C-alpha atoms as a PDB file:
ATOM      1  CA  MET A   1    -136.425 -31.552  -6.518  1.00  0.00           C
ATOM      2  CA  ALA A   2    -137.996 -34.387  -4.512  1.00  0.00           C
ATOM      3  CA  GLN A   3    -136.281 -36.980  -6.710  1.00  0.00           C
ATOM      4  CA  ASP A   4    -132.836 -35.378  -6.247  1.00  0.00           C
ATOM      5  CA  TYR A   5    -133.417 -35.293  -2.481  1.00  0.00           C
ATOM      6  CA  ALA A   6    -134.499 -38.952  -2.501  1.00  0.00           C
ATOM      7  CA  ARG A   7    -131.441 -39.897  -4.662  1.00  0.00           C
ATOM      8  CA  GLN A   8    -129.028 -38.139  -2.232  1.00  0.00           C
ATOM      9  CA  HIS A   9    -130.717 -39.611   0.938  1.00  0.00           C
ATOM     10  CA  ILE A  10    -130.382 -43.000  -0.390  1.00  0.00           C
ATOM     11  CA  LEU A  11    -126.842 -42.732  -1.623  1.00  0.00           C
ATOM     12  CA  LEU A  12    -125.563 -40.638   1.476  1.00  0.00           C
ATOM     13  CA  CYS A  13    -127.574 -42.263   4.125  1.00  0.00           C
ATOM     14  CA  LEU A  14    -129.344 -45.472   3.565  1.00  0.00           C
ATOM     15  CA  ILE A  15    -126.699 -47.389   1.598  1.00  0.00           C
ATOM     16  CA  PRO A  16    -123.932 -46.667   4.342  1.00  0.00           C
ATOM     17  CA  ALA A  17    -126.400 -47.625   6.967  1.00  0.00           C
ATOM     18  CA  PHE A  18    -127.010 -51.027   5.217  1.00  0.00           C
ATOM     19  CA  PHE A  19    -123.128 -51.551   5.051  1.00  0.00           C
ATOM     20  CA  ILE A  20    -122.675 -50.655   8.750  1.00  0.00           C
ATOM     21  CA  ALA A  21    -125.595 -52.999   9.602  1.00  0.00           C
ATOM     22  CA  GLY A  22    -124.024 -55.637   7.547  1.00  0.00           C
ATOM     23  CA  ALA A  23    -120.692 -55.228   9.246  1.00  0.00           C
ATOM     24  CA  ILE A  24    -122.410 -55.455  12.576  1.00  0.00           C
ATOM     25  CA  ALA A  25    -123.908 -58.904  11.536  1.00  0.00           C
ATOM     26  CA  ASN A  26    -120.718 -60.088  10.223  1.00  0.00           C
ATOM     27  CA  PHE A  27    -117.774 -58.829  12.140  1.00  0.00           C
ATOM     28  CA  ILE A  28    -119.103 -58.088  15.759  1.00  0.00           C
ATOM     29  CA  SER A  29    -119.469 -61.354  17.598  1.00  0.00           C
ATOM     30  CA  GLN A  30    -122.888 -62.332  19.240  1.00  0.00           C
ATOM     31  CA  GLU A  31    -121.104 -62.518  22.451  1.00  0.00           C
ATOM     32  CA  ASN A  32    -120.040 -58.831  22.354  1.00  0.00           C
ATOM     33  CA  VAL A  33    -123.467 -57.957  21.431  1.00  0.00           C
ATOM     34  CA  ILE A  34    -125.059 -60.086  24.279  1.00  0.00           C
ATOM     35  CA  LYS A  35    -122.389 -58.751  26.697  1.00  0.00           C
ATOM     36  CA  TYR A  36    -123.659 -55.026  26.381  1.00  0.00           C
ATOM     37  CA  PHE A  37    -127.120 -55.333  25.023  1.00  0.00           C
ATOM     38  CA  GLY A  38    -128.472 -58.859  26.058  1.00  0.00           C
ATOM     39  CA  ALA A  39    -131.682 -59.398  27.929  1.00  0.00           C
ATOM     40  CA  ASN A  40    -129.795 -60.831  30.839  1.00  0.00           C
ATOM     41  CA  THR A  41    -127.046 -58.188  31.106  1.00  0.00           C
ATOM     42  CA  ASN A  42    -127.164 -55.842  34.066  1.00  0.00           C
ATOM     43  CA  LYS A  43    -129.843 -53.297  33.013  1.00  0.00           C
ATOM     44  CA  LEU A  44    -127.977 -50.283  34.251  1.00  0.00           C
ATOM     45  CA  LEU A  45    -125.003 -51.245  31.918  1.00  0.00           C
ATOM     46  CA  SER A  46    -127.116 -52.201  28.797  1.00  0.00           C
ATOM     47  CA  TYR A  47    -129.535 -49.168  28.965  1.00  0.00           C
ATOM     48  CA  SER A  48    -126.535 -46.814  29.653  1.00  0.00           C
ATOM     49  CA  VAL A  49    -124.545 -48.018  26.710  1.00  0.00           C
ATOM     50  CA  ALA A  50    -127.688 -48.273  24.447  1.00  0.00           C
ATOM     51  CA  SER A  51    -128.875 -44.733  25.405  1.00  0.00           C
ATOM     52  CA  VAL A  52    -125.328 -42.869  24.810  1.00  0.00           C
ATOM     53  CA  SER A  53    -124.228 -44.974  21.774  1.00  0.00           C
ATOM     54  CA  GLY A  54    -126.252 -42.556  19.417  1.00  0.00           C
ATOM     55  CA  THR A  55    -123.936 -39.717  20.172  1.00  0.00           C
ATOM     56  CA  ILE A  56    -121.056 -41.272  18.054  1.00  0.00           C
ATOM     57  CA  LEU A  57    -123.563 -41.937  15.190  1.00  0.00           C
ATOM     58  CA  ALA A  58    -124.823 -39.205  13.069  1.00  0.00           C
ATOM     59  CA  VAL A  59    -127.915 -41.053  11.797  1.00  0.00           C
ATOM     60  CA  CYS A  60    -131.393 -40.047  11.153  1.00  0.00           C
ATOM     61  CA  SER A  61    -134.649 -42.103  11.918  1.00  0.00           C
ATOM     62  CA  CYS A  62    -134.341 -43.835   8.591  1.00  0.00           C
ATOM     63  CA  THR A  63    -130.775 -44.933   8.860  1.00  0.00           C
ATOM     64  CA  VAL A  64    -130.905 -46.131  12.416  1.00  0.00           C
ATOM     65  CA  LEU A  65    -133.404 -48.954  11.530  1.00  0.00           C
ATOM     66  CA  PRO A  66    -130.849 -51.278   9.810  1.00  0.00           C
ATOM     67  CA  LEU A  67    -128.396 -50.758  12.731  1.00  0.00           C
ATOM     68  CA  PHE A  68    -131.204 -51.659  15.240  1.00  0.00           C
ATOM     69  CA  ALA A  69    -132.079 -54.789  13.178  1.00  0.00           C
ATOM     70  CA  GLY A  70    -128.424 -55.734  13.117  1.00  0.00           C
ATOM     71  CA  ILE A  71    -127.932 -55.632  16.951  1.00  0.00           C
ATOM     72  CA  TYR A  72    -131.331 -57.099  17.590  1.00  0.00           C
ATOM     73  CA  LYS A  73    -130.701 -60.205  15.309  1.00  0.00           C
ATOM     74  CA  ARG A  74    -127.226 -60.568  17.045  1.00  0.00           C
ATOM     75  CA  GLY A  75    -128.948 -61.180  20.358  1.00  0.00           C
ATOM     76  CA  ALA A  76    -129.652 -57.726  21.884  1.00  0.00           C
ATOM     77  CA  GLY A  77    -132.715 -57.649  24.238  1.00  0.00           C
ATOM     78  CA  ILE A  78    -135.745 -55.673  22.780  1.00  0.00           C
ATOM     79  CA  GLY A  79    -135.199 -53.082  25.563  1.00  0.00           C
ATOM     80  CA  PRO A  80    -131.648 -52.067  25.068  1.00  0.00           C
ATOM     81  CA  ALA A  81    -132.166 -52.279  21.267  1.00  0.00           C
ATOM     82  CA  THR A  82    -135.192 -50.057  21.414  1.00  0.00           C
ATOM     83  CA  ALA A  83    -133.259 -47.602  23.650  1.00  0.00           C
ATOM     84  CA  PHE A  84    -130.634 -47.533  20.946  1.00  0.00           C
ATOM     85  CA  LEU A  85    -133.263 -47.099  18.210  1.00  0.00           C
ATOM     86  CA  TYR A  86    -134.679 -44.016  19.779  1.00  0.00           C
ATOM     87  CA  SER A  87    -131.572 -42.428  21.117  1.00  0.00           C
ATOM     88  CA  GLY A  88    -129.559 -42.791  17.726  1.00  0.00           C
ATOM     89  CA  PRO A  89    -131.356 -39.933  15.934  1.00  0.00           C
ATOM     90  CA  ALA A  90    -132.448 -38.008  19.093  1.00  0.00           C
ATOM     91  CA  ILE A  91    -128.915 -37.580  20.474  1.00  0.00           C
ATOM     92  CA  ASN A  92    -126.318 -37.611  17.719  1.00  0.00           C
ATOM     93  CA  ILE A  93    -123.781 -35.002  18.250  1.00  0.00           C
ATOM     94  CA  LEU A  94    -124.533 -32.896  15.261  1.00  0.00           C
ATOM     95  CA  ALA A  95    -128.301 -32.539  16.268  1.00  0.00           C
ATOM     96  CA  ILE A  96    -127.338 -31.734  19.735  1.00  0.00           C
ATOM     97  CA  ILE A  97    -124.865 -29.084  18.512  1.00  0.00           C
ATOM     98  CA  LEU A  98    -127.345 -27.589  16.091  1.00  0.00           C
ATOM     99  CA  THR A  99    -129.987 -27.429  18.697  1.00  0.00           C
ATOM    100  CA  ALA A 100    -127.478 -25.673  21.114  1.00  0.00           C
ATOM    101  CA  ARG A 101    -126.548 -23.202  18.397  1.00  0.00           C
ATOM    102  CA  VAL A 102    -130.074 -22.278  17.311  1.00  0.00           C
ATOM    103  CA  LEU A 103    -132.201 -22.497  20.516  1.00  0.00           C
ATOM    104  CA  GLY A 104    -129.579 -22.008  23.203  1.00  0.00           C
ATOM    105  CA  PHE A 105    -127.145 -24.013  25.326  1.00  0.00           C
ATOM    106  CA  GLU A 106    -129.806 -24.842  27.899  1.00  0.00           C
ATOM    107  CA  LEU A 107    -132.149 -26.311  25.242  1.00  0.00           C
ATOM    108  CA  GLY A 108    -129.409 -28.057  23.671  1.00  0.00           C
ATOM    109  CA  LEU A 109    -128.506 -29.719  26.930  1.00  0.00           C
ATOM    110  CA  ALA A 110    -131.923 -30.334  27.907  1.00  0.00           C
ATOM    111  CA  ARG A 111    -132.467 -32.273  24.527  1.00  0.00           C
ATOM    112  CA  ALA A 112    -129.453 -34.379  25.258  1.00  0.00           C
ATOM    113  CA  ILE A 113    -130.569 -35.115  28.768  1.00  0.00           C
ATOM    114  CA  GLY A 114    -134.175 -35.695  27.884  1.00  0.00           C
ATOM    115  CA  ALA A 115    -133.165 -38.098  24.847  1.00  0.00           C
ATOM    116  CA  ILE A 116    -131.055 -40.223  27.397  1.00  0.00           C
ATOM    117  CA  ILE A 117    -133.810 -40.423  29.992  1.00  0.00           C
ATOM    118  CA  PHE A 118    -136.577 -40.989  27.269  1.00  0.00           C
ATOM    119  CA  SER A 119    -134.577 -43.680  25.498  1.00  0.00           C
ATOM    120  CA  VAL A 120    -134.198 -45.582  28.827  1.00  0.00           C
ATOM    121  CA  VAL A 121    -137.908 -45.256  29.694  1.00  0.00           C
ATOM    122  CA  ILE A 122    -138.856 -46.434  26.238  1.00  0.00           C
ATOM    123  CA  GLY A 123    -136.522 -49.298  26.258  1.00  0.00           C
ATOM    124  CA  LEU A 124    -137.750 -50.502  29.597  1.00  0.00           C
ATOM    125  CA  SER A 125    -141.325 -50.077  28.433  1.00  0.00           C
ATOM    126  CA  MET A 126    -140.591 -52.201  25.392  1.00  0.00           C
ATOM    127  CA  HIS A 127    -138.742 -54.896  27.679  1.00  0.00           C
ATOM    128  CA  PHE A 128    -141.756 -55.027  29.906  1.00  0.00           C
ATOM    129  CA  ILE A 129    -144.493 -55.281  27.111  1.00  0.00           C
ATOM    130  CA  PHE A 130    -142.477 -57.729  25.287  1.00  0.00           C
ATOM    131  CA  ARG A 131    -140.936 -59.631  28.151  1.00  0.00           C
ATOM    132  CA  LYS A 132    -142.639 -63.169  27.093  1.00  0.00           C
ATOM    133  CA  ASP A 133    -140.896 -62.819  23.607  1.00  0.00           C
ATOM    134  CA  GLY A 134    -137.691 -62.069  25.360  1.00  0.00           C
ATOM    135  CA  ARG A 135    -137.860 -65.142  27.510  1.00  0.00           C
ATOM    136  CA  LYS A 136    -138.554 -67.311  24.408  1.00  0.00           C
ATOM    137  CA  LYS A 137    -135.555 -65.499  22.570  1.00  0.00           C
ATOM    138  CA  ASN A 138    -133.313 -66.316  25.664  1.00  0.00           C
ATOM    139  CA  ILE A 139    -134.357 -69.999  25.727  1.00  0.00           C
ATOM    140  CA  GLU A 140    -133.685 -70.380  22.075  1.00  0.00           C
ATOM    141  CA  ALA A 141    -130.184 -68.763  22.406  1.00  0.00           C
ATOM    142  CA  ASN A 142    -129.320 -70.920  25.351  1.00  0.00           C
ATOM    143  CA  ASN A 143    -130.395 -74.100  23.536  1.00  0.00           C
ATOM    144  CA  ASN A 144    -128.118 -73.225  20.382  1.00  0.00           C
END
């Protein structure tokens, strides 16, 4: 039973996530990633986009990792990328609807709002903790 679950999870979740991450790395220009997720982008814009972009993705915590790696390697700041990493599985529309159906509308709404708030807080915390690394990344990006 566990092998069957693992096989299905790999086929239905991880492989598509790797393809999406590869598509991000190949087809989305670095300028577009930096425009919305860059370390020097307006914080309100970058964290807002990062924290709600998980609603359009039905990903679990395993499948969001390649997507995180794809946007981070394309030039996203650690804060917005981490906000995306947290919000992806927490706020996907399927999980919110299921929570609202099982536990009630109020808890479903609280989960959605809480996930957005916590993803911004976690992203800002990561930005603060790794701000020296972010500065080095910006200097390297500007030199290239």
